[in-house]
Amino acid sequence: MELKLDGYRALAIKSGGKVQLRSRNDNDFSLKYPGIVKALASIPDDTVIDGEVVALDEEGRPSFNALQNYGSGQAPLHFLVFDVLILAGKDVMGEPLVKRRELMEKRIFPKFDEPIRYAPVLEGSLKGLVDSVKAQGLEGLVAKRRDSRYEPGLRSGAWQKMRINQGQESLIGGYTNRWKDV
């Protein structure tokens, strides 16, 4: 289980010594988040990692509002890394998630400093994790099968998102009785 982060999912790609940060829609985030790109410079060449750009609020929780207003606010940005797709030119997407995370922990993550963070696996009962997420006002959880392969562009069911603290949309309306005196 992992936290469902309230940010922008992105791929960090290093090729030819240059790092790019790309959105899932292939938008270039490199100029928007140069501090993150600079911090990713230590990953091996020909490597692709999956993560999420997040802004943290005053309590250290991911805040999508703070991320949308990045540049006008003071919220610190981070890139939380949760998967590796290609490591030093070797495609590892066919490896089980547990193996990919092991590769990240041993070969990629030790090279990083702030603002790069590792998105840890959360241990515990589902009820305990859900209660904790609710109490902390976090968005939710993502359940990932440990033996799952990385399947770009597919929704295989191996990863399940659980929104726990959902926002509420409201419509406020009013009326006037402008025909009263007619």
C-alpha atoms as a PDB file:
ATOM      1  CA  MET A   1       0.000   0.000   0.000  1.00  0.00           C
ATOM      2  CA  GLU A   2       1.213   3.523  -0.760  1.00  0.00           C
ATOM      3  CA  LEU A   3      -0.198   6.972  -0.134  1.00  0.00           C
ATOM      4  CA  LYS A   4      -2.260   8.432  -2.955  1.00  0.00           C
ATOM      5  CA  LEU A   5      -0.420  11.659  -3.572  1.00  0.00           C
ATOM      6  CA  ASP A   6      -2.204  14.857  -4.502  1.00  0.00           C
ATOM      7  CA  GLY A   7       0.150  16.090  -7.219  1.00  0.00           C
ATOM      8  CA  TYR A   8       1.230  15.724 -10.841  1.00  0.00           C
ATOM      9  CA  ARG A   9       2.365  12.290 -11.963  1.00  0.00           C
ATOM     10  CA  ALA A  10       5.595  12.541 -13.952  1.00  0.00           C
ATOM     11  CA  LEU A  11       8.356  10.481 -15.523  1.00  0.00           C
ATOM     12  CA  ALA A  12      11.962  11.467 -14.914  1.00  0.00           C
ATOM     13  CA  ILE A  13      14.019  10.508 -17.957  1.00  0.00           C
ATOM     14  CA  LYS A  14      17.794  10.747 -18.184  1.00  0.00           C
ATOM     15  CA  SER A  15      19.376  10.199 -21.572  1.00  0.00           C
ATOM     16  CA  GLY A  16      22.621  11.522 -22.997  1.00  0.00           C
ATOM     17  CA  GLY A  17      23.400  13.090 -19.619  1.00  0.00           C
ATOM     18  CA  LYS A  18      20.277  15.279 -19.752  1.00  0.00           C
ATOM     19  CA  VAL A  19      17.279  14.968 -17.425  1.00  0.00           C
ATOM     20  CA  GLN A  20      13.720  15.631 -18.543  1.00  0.00           C
ATOM     21  CA  LEU A  21      10.603  15.672 -16.409  1.00  0.00           C
ATOM     22  CA  ARG A  22       7.531  14.725 -18.468  1.00  0.00           C
ATOM     23  CA  SER A  23       3.848  14.539 -17.550  1.00  0.00           C
ATOM     24  CA  ARG A  24       1.680  11.527 -18.363  1.00  0.00           C
ATOM     25  CA  ASN A  25       0.371  13.572 -21.319  1.00  0.00           C
ATOM     26  CA  ASP A  26       3.991  14.139 -22.419  1.00  0.00           C
ATOM     27  CA  ASN A  27       4.040  17.796 -21.357  1.00  0.00           C
ATOM     28  CA  ASP A  28       7.483  19.083 -20.430  1.00  0.00           C
ATOM     29  CA  PHE A  29       7.689  19.887 -16.701  1.00  0.00           C
ATOM     30  CA  SER A  30      11.455  20.537 -16.858  1.00  0.00           C
ATOM     31  CA  LEU A  31      11.227  24.335 -17.044  1.00  0.00           C
ATOM     32  CA  LYS A  32       8.348  24.494 -14.569  1.00  0.00           C
ATOM     33  CA  TYR A  33      10.222  22.523 -11.871  1.00  0.00           C
ATOM     34  CA  PRO A  34      13.964  23.162 -12.450  1.00  0.00           C
ATOM     35  CA  GLY A  35      14.925  22.366  -8.847  1.00  0.00           C
ATOM     36  CA  ILE A  36      13.541  18.865  -9.201  1.00  0.00           C
ATOM     37  CA  VAL A  37      15.279  18.352 -12.554  1.00  0.00           C
ATOM     38  CA  LYS A  38      18.593  19.479 -11.050  1.00  0.00           C
ATOM     39  CA  ALA A  39      18.176  17.113  -8.096  1.00  0.00           C
ATOM     40  CA  LEU A  40      17.527  14.209 -10.490  1.00  0.00           C
ATOM     41  CA  ALA A  41      20.900  14.674 -12.233  1.00  0.00           C
ATOM     42  CA  SER A  42      22.477  11.851 -10.214  1.00  0.00           C
ATOM     43  CA  ILE A  43      20.318   9.078 -11.687  1.00  0.00           C
ATOM     44  CA  PRO A  44      22.167   6.756 -14.069  1.00  0.00           C
ATOM     45  CA  ASP A  45      22.080   7.623 -17.747  1.00  0.00           C
ATOM     46  CA  ASP A  46      19.391   5.852 -19.808  1.00  0.00           C
ATOM     47  CA  THR A  47      17.077   5.569 -16.787  1.00  0.00           C
ATOM     48  CA  VAL A  48      13.352   6.282 -16.449  1.00  0.00           C
ATOM     49  CA  ILE A  49      11.660   6.597 -13.059  1.00  0.00           C
ATOM     50  CA  ASP A  50       8.022   7.184 -12.209  1.00  0.00           C
ATOM     51  CA  GLY A  51       6.929   9.539  -9.476  1.00  0.00           C
ATOM     52  CA  GLU A  52       4.797  12.486  -8.528  1.00  0.00           C
ATOM     53  CA  VAL A  53       5.524  16.195  -8.148  1.00  0.00           C
ATOM     54  CA  VAL A  54       3.919  17.395  -4.915  1.00  0.00           C
ATOM     55  CA  ALA A  55       3.804  20.613  -2.923  1.00  0.00           C
ATOM     56  CA  LEU A  56       3.602  20.316   0.829  1.00  0.00           C
ATOM     57  CA  ASP A  57       1.415  22.456   3.062  1.00  0.00           C
ATOM     58  CA  GLU A  58       2.399  23.855   6.469  1.00  0.00           C
ATOM     59  CA  GLU A  59       1.748  20.460   8.111  1.00  0.00           C
ATOM     60  CA  GLY A  60       3.846  18.593   5.542  1.00  0.00           C
ATOM     61  CA  ARG A  61       0.867  17.100   3.696  1.00  0.00           C
ATOM     62  CA  PRO A  62       0.606  17.056  -0.099  1.00  0.00           C
ATOM     63  CA  SER A  63      -1.561  19.973  -1.262  1.00  0.00           C
ATOM     64  CA  PHE A  64      -2.822  20.166  -4.833  1.00  0.00           C
ATOM     65  CA  ASN A  65      -3.904  23.775  -4.264  1.00  0.00           C
ATOM     66  CA  ALA A  66      -0.354  24.714  -3.227  1.00  0.00           C
ATOM     67  CA  LEU A  67       1.006  22.882  -6.282  1.00  0.00           C
ATOM     68  CA  GLN A  68      -1.340  24.733  -8.642  1.00  0.00           C
ATOM     69  CA  ASN A  69      -0.229  28.021  -7.082  1.00  0.00           C
ATOM     70  CA  TYR A  70       3.461  27.140  -7.093  1.00  0.00           C
ATOM     71  CA  GLY A  71       5.473  30.218  -7.922  1.00  0.00           C
ATOM     72  CA  SER A  72       3.147  32.585  -6.101  1.00  0.00           C
ATOM     73  CA  GLY A  73       3.344  30.677  -2.822  1.00  0.00           C
ATOM     74  CA  GLN A  74       6.060  29.358  -0.583  1.00  0.00           C
ATOM     75  CA  ALA A  75       5.116  25.668  -0.478  1.00  0.00           C
ATOM     76  CA  PRO A  76       8.156  23.402  -0.881  1.00  0.00           C
ATOM     77  CA  LEU A  77       8.114  21.087  -3.895  1.00  0.00           C
ATOM     78  CA  HIS A  78       9.175  17.452  -3.876  1.00  0.00           C
ATOM     79  CA  PHE A  79       9.348  14.585  -6.345  1.00  0.00           C
ATOM     80  CA  LEU A  80       8.208  11.367  -4.707  1.00  0.00           C
ATOM     81  CA  VAL A  81       9.663   8.385  -6.563  1.00  0.00           C
ATOM     82  CA  PHE A  82       7.685   5.138  -6.561  1.00  0.00           C
ATOM     83  CA  ASP A  83       8.800   3.038  -9.551  1.00  0.00           C
ATOM     84  CA  VAL A  84      11.583   2.452 -12.068  1.00  0.00           C
ATOM     85  CA  LEU A  85      10.863   1.497 -15.685  1.00  0.00           C
ATOM     86  CA  ILE A  86      14.329   1.502 -17.228  1.00  0.00           C
ATOM     87  CA  LEU A  87      17.565   1.300 -15.240  1.00  0.00           C
ATOM     88  CA  ALA A  88      20.849   2.134 -16.979  1.00  0.00           C
ATOM     89  CA  GLY A  89      19.436   1.066 -20.345  1.00  0.00           C
ATOM     90  CA  LYS A  90      17.798  -2.143 -19.083  1.00  0.00           C
ATOM     91  CA  ASP A  91      13.999  -2.364 -19.383  1.00  0.00           C
ATOM     92  CA  VAL A  92      12.719  -3.599 -15.997  1.00  0.00           C
ATOM     93  CA  MET A  93       8.981  -3.069 -16.600  1.00  0.00           C
ATOM     94  CA  GLY A  94       8.483  -6.846 -16.855  1.00  0.00           C
ATOM     95  CA  GLU A  95       9.952  -7.400 -13.399  1.00  0.00           C
ATOM     96  CA  PRO A  96       7.572  -7.655 -10.428  1.00  0.00           C
ATOM     97  CA  LEU A  97       6.946  -4.462  -8.466  1.00  0.00           C
ATOM     98  CA  VAL A  98       8.806  -5.802  -5.437  1.00  0.00           C
ATOM     99  CA  LYS A  99      11.948  -6.292  -7.585  1.00  0.00           C
ATOM    100  CA  ARG A 100      11.645  -2.830  -9.206  1.00  0.00           C
ATOM    101  CA  ARG A 101      11.317  -1.209  -5.766  1.00  0.00           C
ATOM    102  CA  GLU A 102      14.371  -3.152  -4.565  1.00  0.00           C
ATOM    103  CA  LEU A 103      16.345  -1.835  -7.553  1.00  0.00           C
ATOM    104  CA  MET A 104      15.214   1.708  -6.723  1.00  0.00           C
ATOM    105  CA  GLU A 105      16.121   1.389  -3.051  1.00  0.00           C
ATOM    106  CA  LYS A 106      19.595  -0.006  -3.748  1.00  0.00           C
ATOM    107  CA  ARG A 107      20.710   1.547  -7.028  1.00  0.00           C
ATOM    108  CA  ILE A 108      18.807   4.797  -7.511  1.00  0.00           C
ATOM    109  CA  PHE A 109      17.467   6.288  -4.331  1.00  0.00           C
ATOM    110  CA  PRO A 110      20.746   6.477  -2.339  1.00  0.00           C
ATOM    111  CA  LYS A 111      22.009   8.986  -4.928  1.00  0.00           C
ATOM    112  CA  PHE A 112      19.267  11.521  -4.156  1.00  0.00           C
ATOM    113  CA  ASP A 113      19.004  14.492  -1.851  1.00  0.00           C
ATOM    114  CA  GLU A 114      16.074  16.841  -1.261  1.00  0.00           C
ATOM    115  CA  PRO A 115      13.708  17.548  -2.951  1.00  0.00           C
ATOM    116  CA  ILE A 116      13.652  13.920  -4.159  1.00  0.00           C
ATOM    117  CA  ARG A 117      11.950  11.515  -1.774  1.00  0.00           C
ATOM    118  CA  TYR A 118      11.067   7.857  -1.854  1.00  0.00           C
ATOM    119  CA  ALA A 119       7.357   7.015  -1.675  1.00  0.00           C
ATOM    120  CA  PRO A 120       7.469   4.256   0.932  1.00  0.00           C
ATOM    121  CA  VAL A 121       5.361   1.144   1.109  1.00  0.00           C
ATOM    122  CA  LEU A 122       2.932   1.395   4.020  1.00  0.00           C
ATOM    123  CA  GLU A 123       2.582  -1.683   6.199  1.00  0.00           C
ATOM    124  CA  GLY A 124      -0.444  -2.443   8.335  1.00  0.00           C
ATOM    125  CA  SER A 125      -4.037  -3.538   8.186  1.00  0.00           C
ATOM    126  CA  LEU A 126      -6.302  -1.896   5.636  1.00  0.00           C
ATOM    127  CA  LYS A 127      -8.538  -0.556   8.401  1.00  0.00           C
ATOM    128  CA  GLY A 128      -5.572   0.905  10.275  1.00  0.00           C
ATOM    129  CA  LEU A 129      -4.189   2.559   7.137  1.00  0.00           C
ATOM    130  CA  VAL A 130      -7.587   3.964   6.143  1.00  0.00           C
ATOM    131  CA  ASP A 131      -8.140   5.315   9.674  1.00  0.00           C
ATOM    132  CA  SER A 132      -4.690   6.933   9.635  1.00  0.00           C
ATOM    133  CA  VAL A 133      -5.265   8.532   6.211  1.00  0.00           C
ATOM    134  CA  LYS A 134      -8.638   9.885   7.389  1.00  0.00           C
ATOM    135  CA  ALA A 135      -7.178  11.271  10.612  1.00  0.00           C
ATOM    136  CA  GLN A 136      -4.363  13.042   8.762  1.00  0.00           C
ATOM    137  CA  GLY A 137      -6.647  14.457   6.067  1.00  0.00           C
ATOM    138  CA  LEU A 138      -4.691  12.781   3.259  1.00  0.00           C
ATOM    139  CA  GLU A 139      -6.263  11.976  -0.106  1.00  0.00           C
ATOM    140  CA  GLY A 140      -6.183   8.205  -0.069  1.00  0.00           C
ATOM    141  CA  LEU A 141      -4.231   5.029  -0.716  1.00  0.00           C
ATOM    142  CA  VAL A 142      -3.028   3.022  -3.696  1.00  0.00           C
ATOM    143  CA  ALA A 143      -2.983  -0.755  -3.355  1.00  0.00           C
ATOM    144  CA  LYS A 144      -0.422  -2.378  -5.647  1.00  0.00           C
ATOM    145  CA  ARG A 145       0.042  -6.093  -6.146  1.00  0.00           C
ATOM    146  CA  ARG A 146       3.634  -6.922  -5.224  1.00  0.00           C
ATOM    147  CA  ASP A 147       3.986  -9.204  -8.256  1.00  0.00           C
ATOM    148  CA  SER A 148       2.542  -6.667 -10.737  1.00  0.00           C
ATOM    149  CA  ARG A 149       4.407  -5.697 -13.882  1.00  0.00           C
ATOM    150  CA  TYR A 150       4.559  -2.098 -15.083  1.00  0.00           C
ATOM    151  CA  GLU A 151       1.959  -1.749 -17.819  1.00  0.00           C
ATOM    152  CA  PRO A 152       2.167   1.721 -19.392  1.00  0.00           C
ATOM    153  CA  GLY A 153      -1.160   3.116 -20.513  1.00  0.00           C
ATOM    154  CA  LEU A 154      -3.167   0.148 -19.201  1.00  0.00           C
ATOM    155  CA  ARG A 155      -5.546  -0.115 -16.267  1.00  0.00           C
ATOM    156  CA  SER A 156      -4.991  -3.758 -15.432  1.00  0.00           C
ATOM    157  CA  GLY A 157      -6.448  -3.745 -11.943  1.00  0.00           C
ATOM    158  CA  ALA A 158      -3.059  -4.551 -10.392  1.00  0.00           C
ATOM    159  CA  TRP A 159      -3.043  -1.025  -8.908  1.00  0.00           C
ATOM    160  CA  GLN A 160      -6.219   0.156  -7.194  1.00  0.00           C
ATOM    161  CA  LYS A 161      -6.732   3.751  -6.045  1.00  0.00           C
ATOM    162  CA  MET A 162      -8.798   4.331  -2.943  1.00  0.00           C
ATOM    163  CA  ARG A 163      -9.990   7.894  -2.432  1.00  0.00           C
ATOM    164  CA  ILE A 164     -10.666   8.319   1.243  1.00  0.00           C
ATOM    165  CA  ASN A 165     -10.932  12.035   2.023  1.00  0.00           C
ATOM    166  CA  GLN A 166     -12.871  13.195  -0.990  1.00  0.00           C
ATOM    167  CA  GLY A 167     -13.688  16.827  -1.477  1.00  0.00           C
ATOM    168  CA  GLN A 168     -17.262  17.903  -1.824  1.00  0.00           C
ATOM    169  CA  GLU A 169     -18.539  19.967  -4.709  1.00  0.00           C
ATOM    170  CA  SER A 170     -21.301  22.430  -3.982  1.00  0.00           C
ATOM    171  CA  LEU A 171     -23.426  24.823  -5.960  1.00  0.00           C
ATOM    172  CA  ILE A 172     -24.622  27.959  -4.259  1.00  0.00           C
ATOM    173  CA  GLY A 173     -27.576  29.630  -5.851  1.00  0.00           C
ATOM    174  CA  GLY A 174     -30.027  32.370  -5.155  1.00  0.00           C
ATOM    175  CA  TYR A 175     -32.921  34.224  -6.729  1.00  0.00           C
ATOM    176  CA  THR A 176     -34.631  37.550  -6.621  1.00  0.00           C
ATOM    177  CA  ASN A 177     -38.305  38.236  -6.878  1.00  0.00           C
ATOM    178  CA  ARG A 178     -37.985  40.872  -9.566  1.00  0.00           C
ATOM    179  CA  TRP A 179     -41.571  40.395 -10.798  1.00  0.00           C
ATOM    180  CA  LYS A 180     -43.061  41.201  -7.401  1.00  0.00           C
ATOM    181  CA  ASP A 181     -44.049  44.814  -8.240  1.00  0.00           C
ATOM    182  CA  VAL A 182     -45.105  44.259 -11.874  1.00  0.00           C
END
